[in-house]
Amino acid sequence: HSGNVSVTESDDGGARFDVSGIDV
């Protein structure tokens, strides 16, 4: 989708995946 995905820590201490580059 010409996008990218990255992983960080969520505000609750779990995993957070950000999928960017896809029109929203």
mmCIF file of all heavy atoms, coordinates in Angstrom:
data_MODEL
# 
_entry.id   MODEL 
# 
loop_
_atom_site.group_PDB 
_atom_site.id 
_atom_site.type_symbol 
_atom_site.label_atom_id 
_atom_site.label_alt_id 
_atom_site.label_comp_id 
_atom_site.label_asym_id 
_atom_site.label_entity_id 
_atom_site.label_seq_id 
_atom_site.pdbx_PDB_ins_code 
_atom_site.Cartn_x 
_atom_site.Cartn_y 
_atom_site.Cartn_z 
_atom_site.occupancy 
_atom_site.B_iso_or_equiv 
_atom_site.pdbx_formal_charge 
_atom_site.auth_seq_id 
_atom_site.auth_comp_id 
_atom_site.auth_asym_id 
_atom_site.auth_atom_id 
_atom_site.pdbx_PDB_model_num 
ATOM 1   N N   . HIS A 1 1  ? 0.830  -1.210 0.000  1.00 0.00 ? 1  HIS A N   1 
ATOM 2   C CA  . HIS A 1 1  ? 0.000  0.000  0.000  1.00 0.00 ? 1  HIS A CA  1 
ATOM 3   C C   . HIS A 1 1  ? 0.864  1.260  0.000  1.00 0.00 ? 1  HIS A C   1 
ATOM 4   O O   . HIS A 1 1  ? 0.371  2.356  0.287  1.00 0.00 ? 1  HIS A O   1 
ATOM 5   C CB  . HIS A 1 1  ? -0.923 0.031  1.225  1.00 0.00 ? 1  HIS A CB  1 
ATOM 6   C CG  . HIS A 1 1  ? -2.073 -0.920 1.145  1.00 0.00 ? 1  HIS A CG  1 
ATOM 7   N ND1 . HIS A 1 1  ? -1.942 -2.277 1.386  1.00 0.00 ? 1  HIS A ND1 1 
ATOM 8   C CD2 . HIS A 1 1  ? -3.391 -0.718 0.823  1.00 0.00 ? 1  HIS A CD2 1 
ATOM 9   C CE1 . HIS A 1 1  ? -3.123 -2.860 1.247  1.00 0.00 ? 1  HIS A CE1 1 
ATOM 10  N NE2 . HIS A 1 1  ? -4.028 -1.934 0.906  1.00 0.00 ? 1  HIS A NE2 1 
ATOM 11  N N   . SER A 1 2  ? 2.158  1.105  -0.323 1.00 0.00 ? 2  SER A N   1 
ATOM 12  C CA  . SER A 1 2  ? 3.119  2.217  -0.301 1.00 0.00 ? 2  SER A CA  1 
ATOM 13  C C   . SER A 1 2  ? 3.258  2.792  1.096  1.00 0.00 ? 2  SER A C   1 
ATOM 14  O O   . SER A 1 2  ? 3.538  3.987  1.273  1.00 0.00 ? 2  SER A O   1 
ATOM 15  C CB  . SER A 1 2  ? 2.702  3.325  -1.286 1.00 0.00 ? 2  SER A CB  1 
ATOM 16  O OG  . SER A 1 2  ? 2.637  2.828  -2.596 1.00 0.00 ? 2  SER A OG  1 
ATOM 17  N N   . GLY A 1 3  ? 3.050  1.939  2.103  1.00 0.00 ? 3  GLY A N   1 
ATOM 18  C CA  . GLY A 1 3  ? 3.143  2.384  3.486  1.00 0.00 ? 3  GLY A CA  1 
ATOM 19  C C   . GLY A 1 3  ? 4.304  1.735  4.218  1.00 0.00 ? 3  GLY A C   1 
ATOM 20  O O   . GLY A 1 3  ? 5.150  1.051  3.641  1.00 0.00 ? 3  GLY A O   1 
ATOM 21  N N   . ASN A 1 4  ? 4.322  1.952  5.537  1.00 0.00 ? 4  ASN A N   1 
ATOM 22  C CA  . ASN A 1 4  ? 5.384  1.420  6.375  1.00 0.00 ? 4  ASN A CA  1 
ATOM 23  C C   . ASN A 1 4  ? 4.783  1.088  7.738  1.00 0.00 ? 4  ASN A C   1 
ATOM 24  O O   . ASN A 1 4  ? 3.757  1.648  8.132  1.00 0.00 ? 4  ASN A O   1 
ATOM 25  C CB  . ASN A 1 4  ? 6.502  2.459  6.519  1.00 0.00 ? 4  ASN A CB  1 
ATOM 26  C CG  . ASN A 1 4  ? 7.701  1.901  7.262  1.00 0.00 ? 4  ASN A CG  1 
ATOM 27  O OD1 . ASN A 1 4  ? 8.079  0.756  7.045  1.00 0.00 ? 4  ASN A OD1 1 
ATOM 28  N ND2 . ASN A 1 4  ? 8.288  2.698  8.145  1.00 0.00 ? 4  ASN A ND2 1 
ATOM 29  N N   . VAL A 1 5  ? 5.430  0.186  8.460  1.00 0.00 ? 5  VAL A N   1 
ATOM 30  C CA  . VAL A 1 5  ? 4.951  -0.195 9.779  1.00 0.00 ? 5  VAL A CA  1 
ATOM 31  C C   . VAL A 1 5  ? 6.119  -0.149 10.760 1.00 0.00 ? 5  VAL A C   1 
ATOM 32  O O   . VAL A 1 5  ? 7.236  -0.553 10.431 1.00 0.00 ? 5  VAL A O   1 
ATOM 33  C CB  . VAL A 1 5  ? 4.295  -1.596 9.759  1.00 0.00 ? 5  VAL A CB  1 
ATOM 34  C CG1 . VAL A 1 5  ? 5.280  -2.658 9.308  1.00 0.00 ? 5  VAL A CG1 1 
ATOM 35  C CG2 . VAL A 1 5  ? 3.702  -1.935 11.126 1.00 0.00 ? 5  VAL A CG2 1 
ATOM 36  N N   . SER A 1 6  ? 5.850  0.408  11.932 1.00 0.00 ? 6  SER A N   1 
ATOM 37  C CA  . SER A 1 6  ? 6.872  0.492  12.978 1.00 0.00 ? 6  SER A CA  1 
ATOM 38  C C   . SER A 1 6  ? 6.244  0.082  14.304 1.00 0.00 ? 6  SER A C   1 
ATOM 39  O O   . SER A 1 6  ? 5.017  0.093  14.468 1.00 0.00 ? 6  SER A O   1 
ATOM 40  C CB  . SER A 1 6  ? 7.434  1.910  13.067 1.00 0.00 ? 6  SER A CB  1 
ATOM 41  O OG  . SER A 1 6  ? 6.410  2.847  13.360 1.00 0.00 ? 6  SER A OG  1 
ATOM 42  N N   . VAL A 1 7  ? 7.096  -0.286 15.279 1.00 0.00 ? 7  VAL A N   1 
ATOM 43  C CA  . VAL A 1 7  ? 6.601  -0.756 16.564 1.00 0.00 ? 7  VAL A CA  1 
ATOM 44  C C   . VAL A 1 7  ? 7.244  0.057  17.678 1.00 0.00 ? 7  VAL A C   1 
ATOM 45  O O   . VAL A 1 7  ? 8.427  0.377  17.635 1.00 0.00 ? 7  VAL A O   1 
ATOM 46  C CB  . VAL A 1 7  ? 6.874  -2.265 16.751 1.00 0.00 ? 7  VAL A CB  1 
ATOM 47  C CG1 . VAL A 1 7  ? 8.358  -2.571 16.698 1.00 0.00 ? 7  VAL A CG1 1 
ATOM 48  C CG2 . VAL A 1 7  ? 6.256  -2.764 18.058 1.00 0.00 ? 7  VAL A CG2 1 
ATOM 49  N N   . THR A 1 8  ? 6.408  0.454  18.633 1.00 0.00 ? 8  THR A N   1 
ATOM 50  C CA  . THR A 1 8  ? 6.883  1.151  19.826 1.00 0.00 ? 8  THR A CA  1 
ATOM 51  C C   . THR A 1 8  ? 6.135  0.576  21.024 1.00 0.00 ? 8  THR A C   1 
ATOM 52  O O   . THR A 1 8  ? 5.425  -0.422 20.912 1.00 0.00 ? 8  THR A O   1 
ATOM 53  C CB  . THR A 1 8  ? 6.607  2.673  19.730 1.00 0.00 ? 8  THR A CB  1 
ATOM 54  O OG1 . THR A 1 8  ? 5.209  2.878  19.580 1.00 0.00 ? 8  THR A OG1 1 
ATOM 55  C CG2 . THR A 1 8  ? 7.346  3.289  18.547 1.00 0.00 ? 8  THR A CG2 1 
ATOM 56  N N   . GLU A 1 9  ? 6.300  1.229  22.143 1.00 0.00 ? 9  GLU A N   1 
ATOM 57  C CA  . GLU A 1 9  ? 5.573  0.817  23.342 1.00 0.00 ? 9  GLU A CA  1 
ATOM 58  C C   . GLU A 1 9  ? 4.301  1.633  23.455 1.00 0.00 ? 9  GLU A C   1 
ATOM 59  O O   . GLU A 1 9  ? 4.303  2.848  23.241 1.00 0.00 ? 9  GLU A O   1 
ATOM 60  C CB  . GLU A 1 9  ? 6.444  1.031  24.584 1.00 0.00 ? 9  GLU A CB  1 
ATOM 61  C CG  . GLU A 1 9  ? 5.756  0.586  25.879 1.00 0.00 ? 9  GLU A CG  1 
ATOM 62  C CD  . GLU A 1 9  ? 6.656  0.748  27.087 1.00 0.00 ? 9  GLU A CD  1 
ATOM 63  O OE1 . GLU A 1 9  ? 7.891  0.710  26.903 1.00 0.00 ? 9  GLU A OE1 1 
ATOM 64  O OE2 . GLU A 1 9  ? 6.132  0.944  28.191 1.00 0.00 ? 9  GLU A OE2 1 
ATOM 65  N N   . SER A 1 10 ? 3.189  1.002  23.777 1.00 0.00 ? 10 SER A N   1 
ATOM 66  C CA  . SER A 1 10 ? 1.923  1.712  23.925 1.00 0.00 ? 10 SER A CA  1 
ATOM 67  C C   . SER A 1 10 ? 1.894  2.451  25.254 1.00 0.00 ? 10 SER A C   1 
ATOM 68  O O   . SER A 1 10 ? 2.745  2.235  26.132 1.00 0.00 ? 10 SER A O   1 
ATOM 69  C CB  . SER A 1 10 ? 0.755  0.729  23.844 1.00 0.00 ? 10 SER A CB  1 
ATOM 70  O OG  . SER A 1 10 ? 0.709  -0.079 25.018 1.00 0.00 ? 10 SER A OG  1 
ATOM 71  N N   . ASP A 1 11 ? 0.919  3.326  25.431 1.00 0.00 ? 11 ASP A N   1 
ATOM 72  C CA  . ASP A 1 11 ? 0.789  4.067  26.688 1.00 0.00 ? 11 ASP A CA  1 
ATOM 73  C C   . ASP A 1 11 ? 0.530  3.144  27.863 1.00 0.00 ? 11 ASP A C   1 
ATOM 74  O O   . ASP A 1 11 ? 0.804  3.491  29.014 1.00 0.00 ? 11 ASP A O   1 
ATOM 75  C CB  . ASP A 1 11 ? -0.350 5.082  26.579 1.00 0.00 ? 11 ASP A CB  1 
ATOM 76  C CG  . ASP A 1 11 ? 0.003  6.236  25.654 1.00 0.00 ? 11 ASP A CG  1 
ATOM 77  O OD1 . ASP A 1 11 ? 1.191  6.344  25.274 1.00 0.00 ? 11 ASP A OD1 1 
ATOM 78  O OD2 . ASP A 1 11 ? -0.898 7.026  25.295 1.00 0.00 ? 11 ASP A OD2 1 
ATOM 79  N N   . ASP A 1 12 ? -0.021 1.945  27.580 1.00 0.00 ? 12 ASP A N   1 
ATOM 80  C CA  . ASP A 1 12 ? -0.319 0.980  28.648 1.00 0.00 ? 12 ASP A CA  1 
ATOM 81  C C   . ASP A 1 12 ? 0.813  -0.008 28.859 1.00 0.00 ? 12 ASP A C   1 
ATOM 82  O O   . ASP A 1 12 ? 0.645  -0.993 29.593 1.00 0.00 ? 12 ASP A O   1 
ATOM 83  C CB  . ASP A 1 12 ? -1.602 0.221  28.320 1.00 0.00 ? 12 ASP A CB  1 
ATOM 84  C CG  . ASP A 1 12 ? -2.811 1.150  28.272 1.00 0.00 ? 12 ASP A CG  1 
ATOM 85  O OD1 . ASP A 1 12 ? -2.909 2.015  29.163 1.00 0.00 ? 12 ASP A OD1 1 
ATOM 86  O OD2 . ASP A 1 12 ? -3.628 1.037  27.335 1.00 0.00 ? 12 ASP A OD2 1 
ATOM 87  N N   . GLY A 1 13 ? 1.956  0.196  28.210 1.00 0.00 ? 13 GLY A N   1 
ATOM 88  C CA  . GLY A 1 13 ? 3.096  -0.684 28.399 1.00 0.00 ? 13 GLY A CA  1 
ATOM 89  C C   . GLY A 1 13 ? 3.146  -1.855 27.455 1.00 0.00 ? 13 GLY A C   1 
ATOM 90  O O   . GLY A 1 13 ? 4.077  -2.657 27.508 1.00 0.00 ? 13 GLY A O   1 
ATOM 91  N N   . GLY A 1 14 ? 2.146  -1.997 26.596 1.00 0.00 ? 14 GLY A N   1 
ATOM 92  C CA  . GLY A 1 14 ? 2.146  -3.094 25.641 1.00 0.00 ? 14 GLY A CA  1 
ATOM 93  C C   . GLY A 1 14 ? 2.828  -2.697 24.330 1.00 0.00 ? 14 GLY A C   1 
ATOM 94  O O   . GLY A 1 14 ? 3.677  -1.799 24.295 1.00 0.00 ? 14 GLY A O   1 
ATOM 95  N N   . ALA A 1 15 ? 2.427  -3.359 23.264 1.00 0.00 ? 15 ALA A N   1 
ATOM 96  C CA  . ALA A 1 15 ? 3.012  -3.084 21.946 1.00 0.00 ? 15 ALA A CA  1 
ATOM 97  C C   . ALA A 1 15 ? 2.079  -2.165 21.160 1.00 0.00 ? 15 ALA A C   1 
ATOM 98  O O   . ALA A 1 15 ? 0.858  -2.280 21.242 1.00 0.00 ? 15 ALA A O   1 
ATOM 99  C CB  . ALA A 1 15 ? 3.245  -4.382 21.186 1.00 0.00 ? 15 ALA A CB  1 
ATOM 100 N N   . ARG A 1 16 ? 2.692  -1.262 20.417 1.00 0.00 ? 16 ARG A N   1 
ATOM 101 C CA  . ARG A 1 16 ? 1.912  -0.379 19.541 1.00 0.00 ? 16 ARG A CA  1 
ATOM 102 C C   . ARG A 1 16 ? 2.534  -0.424 18.148 1.00 0.00 ? 16 ARG A C   1 
ATOM 103 O O   . ARG A 1 16 ? 3.724  -0.159 17.965 1.00 0.00 ? 16 ARG A O   1 
ATOM 104 C CB  . ARG A 1 16 ? 1.917  1.047  20.062 1.00 0.00 ? 16 ARG A CB  1 
ATOM 105 C CG  . ARG A 1 16 ? 1.279  2.045  19.081 1.00 0.00 ? 16 ARG A CG  1 
ATOM 106 C CD  . ARG A 1 16 ? 1.382  3.461  19.595 1.00 0.00 ? 16 ARG A CD  1 
ATOM 107 N NE  . ARG A 1 16 ? 1.048  4.409  18.549 1.00 0.00 ? 16 ARG A NE  1 
ATOM 108 C CZ  . ARG A 1 16 ? 0.052  5.274  18.596 1.00 0.00 ? 16 ARG A CZ  1 
ATOM 109 N NH1 . ARG A 1 16 ? -0.742 5.294  19.647 1.00 0.00 ? 16 ARG A NH1 1 
ATOM 110 N NH2 . ARG A 1 16 ? -0.155 6.124  17.609 1.00 0.00 ? 16 ARG A NH2 1 
ATOM 111 N N   . PHE A 1 17 ? 1.708  -0.765 17.155 1.00 0.00 ? 17 PHE A N   1 
ATOM 112 C CA  . PHE A 1 17 ? 2.143  -0.801 15.758 1.00 0.00 ? 17 PHE A CA  1 
ATOM 113 C C   . PHE A 1 17 ? 1.514  0.383  15.027 1.00 0.00 ? 17 PHE A C   1 
ATOM 114 O O   . PHE A 1 17 ? 0.285  0.530  15.012 1.00 0.00 ? 17 PHE A O   1 
ATOM 115 C CB  . PHE A 1 17 ? 1.716  -2.119 15.100 1.00 0.00 ? 17 PHE A CB  1 
ATOM 116 C CG  . PHE A 1 17 ? 2.437  -3.314 15.650 1.00 0.00 ? 17 PHE A CG  1 
ATOM 117 C CD1 . PHE A 1 17 ? 1.946  -3.991 16.772 1.00 0.00 ? 17 PHE A CD1 1 
ATOM 118 C CD2 . PHE A 1 17 ? 3.615  -3.764 15.068 1.00 0.00 ? 17 PHE A CD2 1 
ATOM 119 C CE1 . PHE A 1 17 ? 2.613  -5.093 17.286 1.00 0.00 ? 17 PHE A CE1 1 
ATOM 120 C CE2 . PHE A 1 17 ? 4.282  -4.874 15.578 1.00 0.00 ? 17 PHE A CE2 1 
ATOM 121 C CZ  . PHE A 1 17 ? 3.789  -5.532 16.689 1.00 0.00 ? 17 PHE A CZ  1 
ATOM 122 N N   . ASP A 1 18 ? 2.362  1.230  14.443 1.00 0.00 ? 18 ASP A N   1 
ATOM 123 C CA  . ASP A 1 18 ? 1.902  2.364  13.639 1.00 0.00 ? 18 ASP A CA  1 
ATOM 124 C C   . ASP A 1 18 ? 2.080  2.025  12.167 1.00 0.00 ? 18 ASP A C   1 
ATOM 125 O O   . ASP A 1 18 ? 3.202  1.770  11.711 1.00 0.00 ? 18 ASP A O   1 
ATOM 126 C CB  . ASP A 1 18 ? 2.703  3.626  13.962 1.00 0.00 ? 18 ASP A CB  1 
ATOM 127 C CG  . ASP A 1 18 ? 2.328  4.220  15.305 1.00 0.00 ? 18 ASP A CG  1 
ATOM 128 O OD1 . ASP A 1 18 ? 1.281  3.824  15.841 1.00 0.00 ? 18 ASP A OD1 1 
ATOM 129 O OD2 . ASP A 1 18 ? 3.085  5.074  15.812 1.00 0.00 ? 18 ASP A OD2 1 
ATOM 130 N N   . VAL A 1 19 ? 0.966  2.011  11.449 1.00 0.00 ? 19 VAL A N   1 
ATOM 131 C CA  . VAL A 1 19 ? 0.993  1.766  10.002 1.00 0.00 ? 19 VAL A CA  1 
ATOM 132 C C   . VAL A 1 19 ? 0.795  3.127  9.326  1.00 0.00 ? 19 VAL A C   1 
ATOM 133 O O   . VAL A 1 19 ? -0.302 3.690  9.355  1.00 0.00 ? 19 VAL A O   1 
ATOM 134 C CB  . VAL A 1 19 ? -0.104 0.772  9.574  1.00 0.00 ? 19 VAL A CB  1 
ATOM 135 C CG1 . VAL A 1 19 ? -0.014 0.516  8.071  1.00 0.00 ? 19 VAL A CG1 1 
ATOM 136 C CG2 . VAL A 1 19 ? 0.031  -0.535 10.358 1.00 0.00 ? 19 VAL A CG2 1 
ATOM 137 N N   . SER A 1 20 ? 1.851  3.669  8.740  1.00 0.00 ? 20 SER A N   1 
ATOM 138 C CA  . SER A 1 20 ? 1.801  5.009  8.143  1.00 0.00 ? 20 SER A CA  1 
ATOM 139 C C   . SER A 1 20 ? 1.924  4.921  6.624  1.00 0.00 ? 20 SER A C   1 
ATOM 140 O O   . SER A 1 20 ? 2.342  3.910  6.073  1.00 0.00 ? 20 SER A O   1 
ATOM 141 C CB  . SER A 1 20 ? 2.929  5.880  8.710  1.00 0.00 ? 20 SER A CB  1 
ATOM 142 O OG  . SER A 1 20 ? 4.193  5.284  8.441  1.00 0.00 ? 20 SER A OG  1 
ATOM 143 N N   . GLY A 1 21 ? 1.548  6.019  5.948  1.00 0.00 ? 21 GLY A N   1 
ATOM 144 C CA  . GLY A 1 21 ? 1.668  6.077  4.492  1.00 0.00 ? 21 GLY A CA  1 
ATOM 145 C C   . GLY A 1 21 ? 0.432  5.603  3.760  1.00 0.00 ? 21 GLY A C   1 
ATOM 146 O O   . GLY A 1 21 ? 0.424  5.548  2.529  1.00 0.00 ? 21 GLY A O   1 
ATOM 147 N N   . ILE A 1 22 ? -0.623 5.245  4.485  1.00 0.00 ? 22 ILE A N   1 
ATOM 148 C CA  . ILE A 1 22 ? -1.886 4.834  3.869  1.00 0.00 ? 22 ILE A CA  1 
ATOM 149 C C   . ILE A 1 22 ? -2.899 5.949  4.102  1.00 0.00 ? 22 ILE A C   1 
ATOM 150 O O   . ILE A 1 22 ? -3.078 6.411  5.229  1.00 0.00 ? 22 ILE A O   1 
ATOM 151 C CB  . ILE A 1 22 ? -2.397 3.507  4.465  1.00 0.00 ? 22 ILE A CB  1 
ATOM 152 C CG1 . ILE A 1 22 ? -1.377 2.390  4.208  1.00 0.00 ? 22 ILE A CG1 1 
ATOM 153 C CG2 . ILE A 1 22 ? -3.747 3.137  3.875  1.00 0.00 ? 22 ILE A CG2 1 
ATOM 154 C CD1 . ILE A 1 22 ? -1.780 1.050  4.777  1.00 0.00 ? 22 ILE A CD1 1 
ATOM 155 N N   . ASP A 1 23 ? -3.542 6.403  3.050  1.00 0.00 ? 23 ASP A N   1 
ATOM 156 C CA  . ASP A 1 23 ? -4.477 7.514  3.160  1.00 0.00 ? 23 ASP A CA  1 
ATOM 157 C C   . ASP A 1 23 ? -5.618 7.178  4.115  1.00 0.00 ? 23 ASP A C   1 
ATOM 158 O O   . ASP A 1 23 ? -6.242 6.115  4.018  1.00 0.00 ? 23 ASP A O   1 
ATOM 159 C CB  . ASP A 1 23 ? -5.058 7.874  1.789  1.00 0.00 ? 23 ASP A CB  1 
ATOM 160 C CG  . ASP A 1 23 ? -4.006 8.498  0.884  1.00 0.00 ? 23 ASP A CG  1 
ATOM 161 O OD1 . ASP A 1 23 ? -3.016 9.020  1.422  1.00 0.00 ? 23 ASP A OD1 1 
ATOM 162 O OD2 . ASP A 1 23 ? -4.186 8.450  -0.345 1.00 0.00 ? 23 ASP A OD2 1 
ATOM 163 N N   . VAL A 1 24 ? -5.889 8.118  5.038  1.00 0.00 ? 24 VAL A N   1 
ATOM 164 C CA  . VAL A 1 24 ? -6.927 7.948  6.052  1.00 0.00 ? 24 VAL A CA  1 
ATOM 165 C C   . VAL A 1 24 ? -7.896 9.115  5.970  1.00 0.00 ? 24 VAL A C   1 
ATOM 166 O O   . VAL A 1 24 ? -7.487 10.268 5.803  1.00 0.00 ? 24 VAL A O   1 
ATOM 167 C CB  . VAL A 1 24 ? -6.311 7.866  7.465  1.00 0.00 ? 24 VAL A CB  1 
ATOM 168 C CG1 . VAL A 1 24 ? -7.396 7.957  8.530  1.00 0.00 ? 24 VAL A CG1 1 
ATOM 169 C CG2 . VAL A 1 24 ? -5.530 6.578  7.626  1.00 0.00 ? 24 VAL A CG2 1 
# 
